[in-house]
C-alpha atoms as a PDB file:
ATOM      1  CA  UNK A   1      15.651  22.133 -19.559  1.00  0.00           C
ATOM      2  CA  UNK A   2      14.452  19.190 -17.506  1.00  0.00           C
ATOM      3  CA  UNK A   3      15.198  18.858 -13.827  1.00  0.00           C
ATOM      4  CA  UNK A   4      17.219  15.858 -12.611  1.00  0.00           C
ATOM      5  CA  UNK A   5      15.478  13.234 -10.522  1.00  0.00           C
ATOM      6  CA  UNK A   6      16.551  13.362  -6.924  1.00  0.00           C
ATOM      7  CA  UNK A   7      15.535  10.970  -4.176  1.00  0.00           C
ATOM      8  CA  UNK A   8      16.132  11.439  -0.496  1.00  0.00           C
ATOM      9  CA  UNK A   9      15.617   8.273   1.502  1.00  0.00           C
ATOM     10  CA  UNK A  10      14.871  10.113   4.758  1.00  0.00           C
ATOM     11  CA  UNK A  11      12.121  12.091   3.026  1.00  0.00           C
ATOM     12  CA  UNK A  12      10.752   8.894   1.494  1.00  0.00           C
ATOM     13  CA  UNK A  13      10.710   7.168   4.894  1.00  0.00           C
ATOM     14  CA  UNK A  14       8.975  10.195   6.411  1.00  0.00           C
ATOM     15  CA  UNK A  15       6.385  10.195   3.622  1.00  0.00           C
ATOM     16  CA  UNK A  16       5.732   6.464   4.081  1.00  0.00           C
ATOM     17  CA  UNK A  17       5.292   6.995   7.824  1.00  0.00           C
ATOM     18  CA  UNK A  18       2.835   9.814   7.104  1.00  0.00           C
ATOM     19  CA  UNK A  19       0.830   7.495   4.814  1.00  0.00           C
ATOM     20  CA  UNK A  20       0.716   4.951   7.656  1.00  0.00           C
ATOM     21  CA  UNK A  21      -0.309   7.633  10.160  1.00  0.00           C
ATOM     22  CA  UNK A  22      -3.092   9.029   7.974  1.00  0.00           C
ATOM     23  CA  UNK A  23      -4.293   5.528   7.153  1.00  0.00           C
ATOM     24  CA  UNK A  24      -4.462   4.659  10.857  1.00  0.00           C
ATOM     25  CA  UNK A  25      -6.382   7.843  11.679  1.00  0.00           C
ATOM     26  CA  UNK A  26      -8.758   7.312   8.795  1.00  0.00           C
ATOM     27  CA  UNK A  27      -9.375   3.679   9.748  1.00  0.00           C
ATOM     28  CA  UNK A  28     -10.027   4.641  13.369  1.00  0.00           C
ATOM     29  CA  UNK A  29     -12.430   7.449  12.462  1.00  0.00           C
ATOM     30  CA  UNK A  30     -14.345   5.342   9.959  1.00  0.00           C
ATOM     31  CA  UNK A  31     -14.450   2.358  12.296  1.00  0.00           C
ATOM     32  CA  UNK A  32     -16.031   4.597  14.943  1.00  0.00           C
ATOM     33  CA  UNK A  33     -18.550   5.840  12.392  1.00  0.00           C
ATOM     34  CA  UNK A  34     -19.445   2.283  11.345  1.00  0.00           C
ATOM     35  CA  UNK A  35     -19.840   1.310  14.998  1.00  0.00           C
ATOM     36  CA  UNK A  36     -22.210   4.223  15.621  1.00  0.00           C
ATOM     37  CA  UNK A  37     -24.181   3.409  12.483  1.00  0.00           C
ATOM     38  CA  UNK A  38     -24.531  -0.222  13.506  1.00  0.00           C
ATOM     39  CA  UNK A  39     -26.512   0.951  16.542  1.00  0.00           C
ATOM     40  CA  UNK A  40     -29.105   2.351  14.131  1.00  0.00           C
ATOM     41  CA  UNK A  41     -29.566  -0.939  12.338  1.00  0.00           C
ATOM     42  CA  UNK A  42     -31.066  -2.542  15.442  1.00  0.00           C
ATOM     43  CA  UNK A  43     -33.831   0.071  15.563  1.00  0.00           C
ATOM     44  CA  UNK A  44     -34.415   0.231  11.819  1.00  0.00           C
ATOM     45  CA  UNK A  45     -36.650  -2.367  10.154  1.00  0.00           C
ATOM     46  CA  UNK A  46     -37.897  -3.119   6.649  1.00  0.00           C
ATOM     47  CA  UNK A  47     -36.591  -2.396   3.184  1.00  0.00           C
ATOM     48  CA  UNK A  48     -34.778   0.748   4.281  1.00  0.00           C
ATOM     49  CA  UNK A  49     -32.824  -1.233   6.858  1.00  0.00           C
ATOM     50  CA  UNK A  50     -31.856  -3.880   4.297  1.00  0.00           C
ATOM     51  CA  UNK A  51     -30.774  -1.219   1.811  1.00  0.00           C
ATOM     52  CA  UNK A  52     -28.748   0.476   4.526  1.00  0.00           C
ATOM     53  CA  UNK A  53     -27.059  -2.834   5.419  1.00  0.00           C
ATOM     54  CA  UNK A  54     -26.120  -3.371   1.761  1.00  0.00           C
ATOM     55  CA  UNK A  55     -24.621   0.111   1.533  1.00  0.00           C
ATOM     56  CA  UNK A  56     -22.795  -0.466   4.812  1.00  0.00           C
ATOM     57  CA  UNK A  57     -21.329  -3.742   3.505  1.00  0.00           C
ATOM     58  CA  UNK A  58     -20.181  -2.087   0.268  1.00  0.00           C
ATOM     59  CA  UNK A  59     -18.721   0.765   2.293  1.00  0.00           C
ATOM     60  CA  UNK A  60     -16.775  -1.730   4.407  1.00  0.00           C
ATOM     61  CA  UNK A  61     -15.406  -3.383   1.252  1.00  0.00           C
ATOM     62  CA  UNK A  62     -14.429   0.013  -0.192  1.00  0.00           C
ATOM     63  CA  UNK A  63     -12.799   0.952   3.099  1.00  0.00           C
ATOM     64  CA  UNK A  64     -10.716  -2.222   3.019  1.00  0.00           C
ATOM     65  CA  UNK A  65      -9.626  -1.409  -0.547  1.00  0.00           C
ATOM     66  CA  UNK A  66      -8.611   2.092   0.538  1.00  0.00           C
ATOM     67  CA  UNK A  67      -6.726   0.704   3.526  1.00  0.00           C
ATOM     68  CA  UNK A  68      -4.890  -1.782   1.303  1.00  0.00           C
ATOM     69  CA  UNK A  69      -4.027   0.900  -1.265  1.00  0.00           C
ATOM     70  CA  UNK A  70      -2.628   3.268   1.373  1.00  0.00           C
ATOM     71  CA  UNK A  71      -0.629   0.465   3.011  1.00  0.00           C
ATOM     72  CA  UNK A  72       0.769  -0.708  -0.332  1.00  0.00           C
ATOM     73  CA  UNK A  73       1.700   2.859  -1.271  1.00  0.00           C
ATOM     74  CA  UNK A  74       3.514   3.371   2.026  1.00  0.00           C
ATOM     75  CA  UNK A  75       5.390   0.090   1.594  1.00  0.00           C
ATOM     76  CA  UNK A  76       6.290   0.973  -2.007  1.00  0.00           C
ATOM     77  CA  UNK A  77       7.706   4.337  -0.923  1.00  0.00           C
ATOM     78  CA  UNK A  78       9.619   2.684   1.930  1.00  0.00           C
ATOM     79  CA  UNK A  79      11.052   0.024  -0.401  1.00  0.00           C
ATOM     80  CA  UNK A  80      12.024   2.611  -3.016  1.00  0.00           C
ATOM     81  CA  UNK A  81      13.886   4.628  -0.387  1.00  0.00           C
ATOM     82  CA  UNK A  82      15.824   1.573   0.748  1.00  0.00           C
ATOM     83  CA  UNK A  83      16.627   0.639  -2.865  1.00  0.00           C
ATOM     84  CA  UNK A  84      17.786   4.172  -3.565  1.00  0.00           C
ATOM     85  CA  UNK A  85      20.145   4.068  -0.585  1.00  0.00           C
ATOM     86  CA  UNK A  86      21.577   0.710  -1.673  1.00  0.00           C
ATOM     87  CA  UNK A  87      22.066   1.881  -5.270  1.00  0.00           C
ATOM     88  CA  UNK A  88      23.610   5.161  -4.159  1.00  0.00           C
ATOM     89  CA  UNK A  89      26.026   3.388  -1.794  1.00  0.00           C
ATOM     90  CA  UNK A  90      26.965   0.887  -4.503  1.00  0.00           C
ATOM     91  CA  UNK A  91      27.638   3.675  -7.014  1.00  0.00           C
ATOM     92  CA  UNK A  92      29.750   5.565  -4.480  1.00  0.00           C
ATOM     93  CA  UNK A  93      31.780   2.431  -3.728  1.00  0.00           C
ATOM     94  CA  UNK A  94      32.410   1.794  -7.432  1.00  0.00           C
ATOM     95  CA  UNK A  95      33.596   5.337  -7.998  1.00  0.00           C
ATOM     96  CA  UNK A  96      35.817   5.156  -4.919  1.00  0.00           C
ATOM     97  CA  UNK A  97      37.353   1.889  -6.182  1.00  0.00           C
ATOM     98  CA  UNK A  98      38.745   3.651  -9.232  1.00  0.00           C
ATOM     99  CA  UNK A  99      41.035   5.515  -6.893  1.00  0.00           C
ATOM    100  CA  UNK A 100      41.252   8.411  -9.301  1.00  0.00           C
ATOM    101  CA  UNK A 101      44.019   6.658 -11.256  1.00  0.00           C
ATOM    102  CA  UNK A 102      42.718   7.313 -14.728  1.00  0.00           C
ATOM    103  CA  UNK A 103      42.933  10.397 -16.879  1.00  0.00           C
ATOM    104  CA  UNK A 104      39.965  11.727 -18.765  1.00  0.00           C
ATOM    105  CA  UNK A 105      40.704  12.507 -22.417  1.00  0.00           C
ATOM    106  CA  UNK A 106      39.796  16.175 -22.329  1.00  0.00           C
END
């Protein structure tokens, strides 16, 4: 037997906030790392330095992609939670409007 789908908007908001928090921590840590590595590039010359710069540039592009993906995921979760609340409230209002004035043919 399959389990019903259940959404809890508070849990979704909390999860989105956690995505934002982890993304911020990750960006800060990796930014610090890139800053420390950039100090090496001044002392490093030749082909190795150029190769390192290329890797560093690709890393920065990958980091931006990761940042964007985490931000978009957080926003998607946040939006889904808000949509769930609106749909749930709308369904509750529609049921309440019936006023219980009909009889089910049981």
